């Protein structure tokens, strides 16, 4: 891949496995908007970015300095996705899923924002999640421009009123979880280094100290914010895919997560994203 600055934008030439629609709509992030021209605008780390495919090239509306500081890691551009996919090509079902979602990349997101957005995501849908996250950013975060605000800090969100989150952000029973988790993180009661460096089960136990963080939400946070690629989140779609295509029987979610890690090893999180996207788009296991 060749990276160059042209007319105030960053151009990625030869970027493999980079399809904005698949990256943003595969269930890992919630602060994106699709534009009339087919491009995507997202907000991350207090910055606004427009991403489009133009003449077969990836065009990022940012400076080269900001790209190196934020977006290079955000889009996981230093990972060899060709080699990673080759490692996962030992199994035919997954090969089909990887081909179907060949443009997916795992985003490396802000830890606090990811924790809160996935607490909100429980038993909800994409539209409601996005609306809630945008409300929280606009209400409690600092303005970036006329249309966008950065996500609030733990200290800022810890000051939110539970009733406002329930009534205005419409997060339901998660209102208390959001405020209490923000306070715990503000007060240093969550060890971020454990989440990054400890073995996966120790990291999961540490993260599940937060109210509203169960196994599935925990595994999503570890995968999308802490680069724990061995994490294997299990939601309704992954449960259906694994039961239908791998296990052949109804299986508890906890055991499915164990099987995912056993089968796919250190690349389990990537396998999960390909299987999730493939299963959801093709309604695998749903009559």
Protein backbone atom coordinates (compact mmCIF):
# COMPACT_ATOMS: atom_id res chain seq x y z
CA UNK A 1 0.00 0.00 0.00
CA UNK A 2 1.24 3.48 -0.89
CA UNK A 3 0.16 6.47 1.19
CA UNK A 4 0.30 9.96 -0.28
CA UNK A 5 -1.03 13.44 0.35
CA UNK A 6 -2.89 15.06 -2.56
CA UNK A 7 -4.96 18.26 -2.62
CA UNK A 8 -5.36 18.27 1.17
CA UNK A 9 -6.46 14.64 1.33
CA UNK A 10 -4.74 11.33 2.04
CA UNK A 11 -4.87 8.74 -0.72
CA UNK A 12 -4.31 5.04 -0.11
CA UNK A 13 -3.10 3.28 -3.24
CA UNK A 14 -3.20 -0.50 -3.26
CA UNK A 15 -5.09 -0.75 0.03
CA UNK A 16 -6.39 -4.30 0.31
CA UNK A 17 -9.48 -5.38 2.23
CA UNK A 18 -10.90 -1.85 2.53
CA UNK A 19 -14.59 -1.40 1.69
CA UNK A 20 -16.14 1.45 3.74
CA UNK A 21 -19.65 -0.02 3.67
CA UNK A 22 -18.46 -3.32 5.11
CA UNK A 23 -16.15 -1.66 7.65
CA UNK A 24 -18.76 0.69 9.06
CA UNK A 25 -21.86 -1.49 8.71
CA UNK A 26 -20.55 -4.73 10.18
CA UNK A 27 -21.71 -3.85 13.71
CA UNK A 28 -18.48 -2.65 15.29
CA UNK A 29 -18.98 1.14 15.28
CA UNK A 30 -21.94 3.49 15.54
CA UNK A 31 -20.80 7.04 14.71
CA UNK A 32 -20.92 6.86 10.93
CA UNK A 33 -23.22 8.45 8.38
CA UNK A 34 -23.61 7.41 4.76
CA UNK A 35 -23.71 10.35 2.35
CA UNK A 36 -25.56 10.80 -0.94
CA UNK A 37 -22.36 10.17 -2.91
CA UNK A 38 -21.86 6.81 -1.16
CA UNK A 39 -19.05 8.06 1.06
CA UNK A 40 -19.04 7.66 4.83
CA UNK A 41 -18.45 10.29 7.48
CA UNK A 42 -17.38 9.11 10.91
CA UNK A 43 -16.35 10.71 14.20
CA UNK A 44 -13.55 9.21 16.28
CA UNK A 45 -10.98 10.49 18.77
CA UNK A 46 -12.53 13.96 18.56
CA UNK A 47 -12.08 14.23 14.79
CA UNK A 48 -14.45 14.07 11.81
CA UNK A 49 -13.41 12.03 8.77
CA UNK A 50 -15.00 11.47 5.37
CA UNK A 51 -14.02 8.22 3.62
CA UNK A 52 -14.74 7.40 0.01
CA UNK A 53 -13.63 5.18 -2.81
CA UNK A 54 -12.72 7.34 -5.83
CA UNK A 55 -11.30 5.92 -9.05
CA UNK A 56 -10.56 2.70 -7.20
CA UNK A 57 -8.52 4.46 -4.52
CA UNK A 58 -9.32 5.10 -0.86
CA UNK A 59 -9.64 8.84 -0.22
CA UNK A 60 -9.54 10.18 3.35
CA UNK A 61 -10.44 13.82 3.96
CA UNK A 62 -7.62 14.50 6.41
CA UNK A 63 -4.06 15.74 6.62
CA UNK A 64 -1.10 13.39 6.49
CA UNK A 65 -0.21 14.44 10.05
CA UNK A 66 -3.66 13.58 11.38
CA UNK A 67 -3.66 10.36 9.38
CA UNK A 68 -0.43 9.21 11.02
CA UNK A 69 -1.61 10.27 14.48
CA UNK A 70 -5.14 8.78 14.38
CA UNK A 71 -6.42 7.11 11.26
CA UNK A 72 -3.55 4.78 10.39
CA UNK A 73 -4.08 2.79 13.60
CA UNK A 74 -7.86 3.34 13.64
CA UNK A 75 -8.19 1.49 10.33
CA UNK A 76 -5.64 -1.16 11.35
CA UNK A 77 -3.55 -0.34 8.30
CA UNK A 78 -0.30 -1.84 9.57
CA UNK A 79 -1.80 -5.32 9.76
CA UNK A 80 -1.29 -7.73 6.86
CA UNK A 81 -4.88 -8.77 6.17
CA UNK A 82 -3.81 -11.00 3.29
CA UNK A 83 -1.58 -13.04 5.61
CA UNK A 84 -4.20 -13.09 8.38
CA UNK A 85 -6.86 -14.35 6.00
CA UNK A 86 -4.45 -16.98 4.71
CA UNK A 87 -4.04 -18.25 8.27
CA UNK A 88 -7.83 -18.55 8.55
CA UNK A 89 -8.23 -20.30 5.19
CA UNK A 90 -7.97 -23.80 6.66
CA UNK A 91 -11.77 -24.05 6.76
CA UNK A 92 -14.13 -23.79 3.78
CA UNK A 93 -17.08 -22.09 5.51
CA UNK A 94 -14.89 -19.30 6.79
CA UNK A 95 -13.23 -18.94 3.39
CA UNK A 96 -16.66 -18.25 1.92
CA UNK A 97 -17.43 -15.73 4.68
CA UNK A 98 -14.09 -13.96 4.20
CA UNK A 99 -14.71 -13.66 0.49
CA UNK A 100 -18.21 -12.29 1.11
CA UNK A 101 -16.92 -9.68 3.57
CA UNK A 102 -13.51 -9.20 1.99
CA UNK A 103 -13.52 -5.45 2.66
CA UNK A 104 -13.92 -5.69 6.45
CA UNK A 105 -11.24 -4.28 8.72
CA UNK A 106 -11.44 -4.21 12.51
CA UNK A 107 -11.39 -0.64 13.79
CA UNK A 108 -9.21 0.23 16.78
CA UNK A 109 -11.55 2.49 18.71
CA UNK A 110 -11.42 4.70 21.80
CA UNK A 111 -11.78 2.48 24.90
CA UNK A 112 -14.21 4.63 26.90
CA UNK A 113 -16.46 5.37 23.95
CA UNK A 114 -16.48 1.68 22.99
CA UNK A 115 -17.39 0.62 26.53
CA UNK A 116 -20.36 2.99 26.66
CA UNK A 117 -21.60 2.34 23.12
CA UNK A 118 -21.60 -1.41 23.62
CA UNK A 119 -23.38 -1.08 26.96
CA UNK A 120 -26.02 0.84 24.99
CA UNK A 121 -26.06 -1.79 22.22
CA UNK A 122 -27.62 -4.54 24.33
CA UNK A 123 -31.00 -5.70 23.05
CA UNK A 124 -31.19 -2.79 20.61
CA UNK A 125 -30.82 -2.07 16.90
CA UNK A 126 -28.35 0.00 14.89
CA UNK A 127 -30.64 3.02 14.42
CA UNK A 128 -31.48 3.30 18.12
CA UNK A 129 -27.86 2.81 19.14
CA UNK A 130 -26.64 5.49 16.74
CA UNK A 131 -29.32 7.93 17.90
CA UNK A 132 -28.42 7.36 21.56
CA UNK A 133 -24.68 7.69 20.97
CA UNK A 134 -25.11 10.88 18.94
CA UNK A 135 -27.37 12.37 21.60
CA UNK A 136 -24.79 11.64 24.30
CA UNK A 137 -22.01 13.19 22.20
CA UNK A 138 -24.04 16.30 21.40
CA UNK A 139 -25.35 16.72 24.95
CA UNK A 140 -22.22 16.03 26.98
CA UNK A 141 -19.25 16.28 24.59
CA UNK A 142 -17.48 19.30 23.14
CA UNK A 143 -18.53 20.61 19.73
CA UNK A 144 -16.19 19.84 16.82
CA UNK A 145 -18.17 21.69 14.16
CA UNK A 146 -21.79 22.66 13.50
CA UNK A 147 -22.86 19.05 12.95
CA UNK A 148 -20.56 16.94 15.11
CA UNK A 149 -19.39 16.67 18.71
CA UNK A 150 -16.70 14.53 20.27
CA UNK A 151 -17.73 11.76 22.65
CA UNK A 152 -17.63 12.94 26.28
CA UNK A 153 -14.88 12.00 28.70
CA UNK A 154 -15.62 9.74 31.70
CA UNK A 155 -15.70 12.81 33.94
CA UNK A 156 -18.20 14.58 31.70
CA UNK A 157 -20.53 11.62 31.29
CA UNK A 158 -20.36 10.75 34.98
CA UNK A 159 -22.20 14.02 35.61
CA UNK A 160 -25.17 13.03 33.44
CA UNK A 161 -28.54 12.56 35.10
CA UNK A 162 -29.88 9.03 34.86
CA UNK A 163 -33.36 10.27 34.03
CA UNK A 164 -32.05 12.39 31.13
CA UNK A 165 -30.31 9.39 29.60
CA UNK A 166 -33.48 7.34 29.90
CA UNK A 167 -35.90 9.98 28.63
CA UNK A 168 -33.80 11.87 26.06
CA UNK A 169 -31.14 9.39 24.92
CA UNK A 170 -33.76 6.62 25.20
CA UNK A 171 -31.28 4.07 26.50
CA UNK A 172 -33.81 2.37 28.77
CA UNK A 173 -32.49 0.34 31.70
CA UNK A 174 -28.91 1.02 30.57
CA UNK A 175 -29.14 4.60 31.94
CA UNK A 176 -27.75 3.64 35.35
CA UNK A 177 -25.06 1.42 33.83
CA UNK A 178 -23.77 4.33 31.74
CA UNK A 179 -23.43 6.71 34.67
CA UNK A 180 -22.02 4.14 37.11
CA UNK A 181 -19.49 2.82 34.59
CA UNK A 182 -18.40 6.37 33.75
CA UNK A 183 -17.82 7.06 37.45
CA UNK A 184 -15.81 3.86 37.92
CA UNK A 185 -13.59 4.66 34.94
CA UNK A 186 -13.22 8.31 36.04
CA UNK A 187 -12.13 7.12 39.47
CA UNK A 188 -9.58 4.65 38.11
CA UNK A 189 -11.44 1.55 39.28
CA UNK A 190 -10.93 -0.21 35.94
CA UNK A 191 -7.36 -1.31 35.17
CA UNK A 192 -6.86 -0.56 31.47
CA UNK A 193 -3.45 -2.24 31.40
CA UNK A 194 -5.00 -5.52 32.54
CA UNK A 195 -7.41 -5.27 29.61
CA UNK A 196 -4.51 -4.76 27.19
CA UNK A 197 -1.92 -7.17 28.52
CA UNK A 198 -3.36 -9.86 30.81
CA UNK A 199 -4.54 -13.25 29.58
CA UNK A 200 -7.97 -13.09 28.01
CA UNK A 201 -9.91 -14.56 30.96
CA UNK A 202 -8.28 -12.17 33.44
CA UNK A 203 -9.05 -9.27 31.11
CA UNK A 204 -12.66 -10.39 30.78
CA UNK A 205 -13.10 -10.62 34.57
CA UNK A 206 -11.64 -7.14 35.01
CA UNK A 207 -13.90 -5.60 32.38
CA UNK A 208 -17.02 -7.31 33.68
CA UNK A 209 -16.62 -5.41 36.95
CA UNK A 210 -18.47 -2.64 35.15
CA UNK A 211 -22.26 -2.68 35.52
CA UNK A 212 -23.99 -3.67 32.32
CA UNK A 213 -20.94 -5.44 30.87
CA UNK A 214 -21.72 -9.13 30.37
CA UNK A 215 -19.76 -11.70 28.34
CA UNK A 216 -20.85 -10.60 24.86
CA UNK A 217 -20.42 -6.86 25.48
CA UNK A 218 -17.10 -7.59 27.19
CA UNK A 219 -15.76 -9.52 24.22
CA UNK A 220 -16.84 -6.78 21.80
CA UNK A 221 -15.04 -4.12 23.84
CA UNK A 222 -11.85 -6.18 24.07
CA UNK A 223 -11.88 -6.82 20.33
CA UNK A 224 -12.74 -3.32 19.13
CA UNK A 225 -10.88 -1.15 21.67
CA UNK A 226 -8.02 -3.20 23.12
CA UNK A 227 -6.76 -5.16 20.08
CA UNK A 228 -7.61 -8.48 21.71
CA UNK A 229 -7.98 -10.40 18.47
CA UNK A 230 -8.42 -13.68 20.34
CA UNK A 231 -11.77 -12.43 21.66
CA UNK A 232 -14.87 -14.04 20.14
CA UNK A 233 -18.12 -12.11 20.84
CA UNK A 234 -21.28 -14.20 20.61
CA UNK A 235 -24.58 -12.53 19.74
CA UNK A 236 -27.71 -14.00 18.19
CA UNK A 237 -26.20 -14.08 14.68
CA UNK A 238 -22.93 -15.73 15.71
CA UNK A 239 -24.90 -18.23 17.80
CA UNK A 240 -26.97 -19.17 14.75
CA UNK A 241 -23.93 -19.34 12.46
CA UNK A 242 -21.88 -21.48 14.82
CA UNK A 243 -24.76 -23.84 15.60
CA UNK A 244 -25.78 -24.15 11.95
CA UNK A 245 -22.35 -24.37 10.29
CA UNK A 246 -19.99 -25.70 12.97
CA UNK A 247 -21.58 -27.26 16.04
CA UNK A 248 -24.73 -28.89 14.67
CA UNK A 249 -26.73 -28.40 17.85
CA UNK A 250 -28.11 -25.78 20.22
CA UNK A 251 -25.20 -24.62 22.39
CA UNK A 252 -24.90 -22.13 25.28
CA UNK A 253 -23.27 -18.84 24.28
CA UNK A 254 -20.37 -19.32 26.70
CA UNK A 255 -19.43 -22.62 25.12
CA UNK A 256 -19.75 -21.10 21.64
CA UNK A 257 -17.23 -18.42 22.62
CA UNK A 258 -14.87 -21.13 23.90
CA UNK A 259 -15.27 -23.08 20.67
CA UNK A 260 -14.64 -19.97 18.59
CA UNK A 261 -11.38 -19.32 20.39
CA UNK A 262 -10.40 -22.98 20.13
CA UNK A 263 -11.12 -23.26 16.41
CA UNK A 264 -9.76 -19.91 15.26
CA UNK A 265 -7.06 -19.19 17.86
CA UNK A 266 -5.43 -15.76 17.95
CA UNK A 267 -7.46 -14.69 14.91
CA UNK A 268 -10.81 -15.57 16.48
CA UNK A 269 -12.00 -11.96 16.50
CA UNK A 270 -11.40 -11.58 12.78
CA UNK A 271 -13.19 -14.86 12.10
CA UNK A 272 -16.09 -13.61 14.22
CA UNK A 273 -16.44 -10.43 12.18
CA UNK A 274 -16.45 -12.29 8.86
CA UNK A 275 -18.92 -14.89 10.14
CA UNK A 276 -21.15 -12.24 11.75
CA UNK A 277 -21.38 -10.19 8.57
CA UNK A 278 -21.91 -13.26 6.39
CA UNK A 279 -24.51 -14.75 8.74
CA UNK A 280 -26.46 -11.52 9.24
CA UNK A 281 -26.52 -10.54 5.57
CA UNK A 282 -27.54 -14.04 4.46
CA UNK A 283 -29.79 -14.79 7.46
CA UNK A 284 -27.99 -18.03 8.25
CA UNK A 285 -29.94 -20.23 10.64
CA UNK A 286 -33.06 -18.07 10.50
CA UNK A 287 -36.19 -19.67 9.14
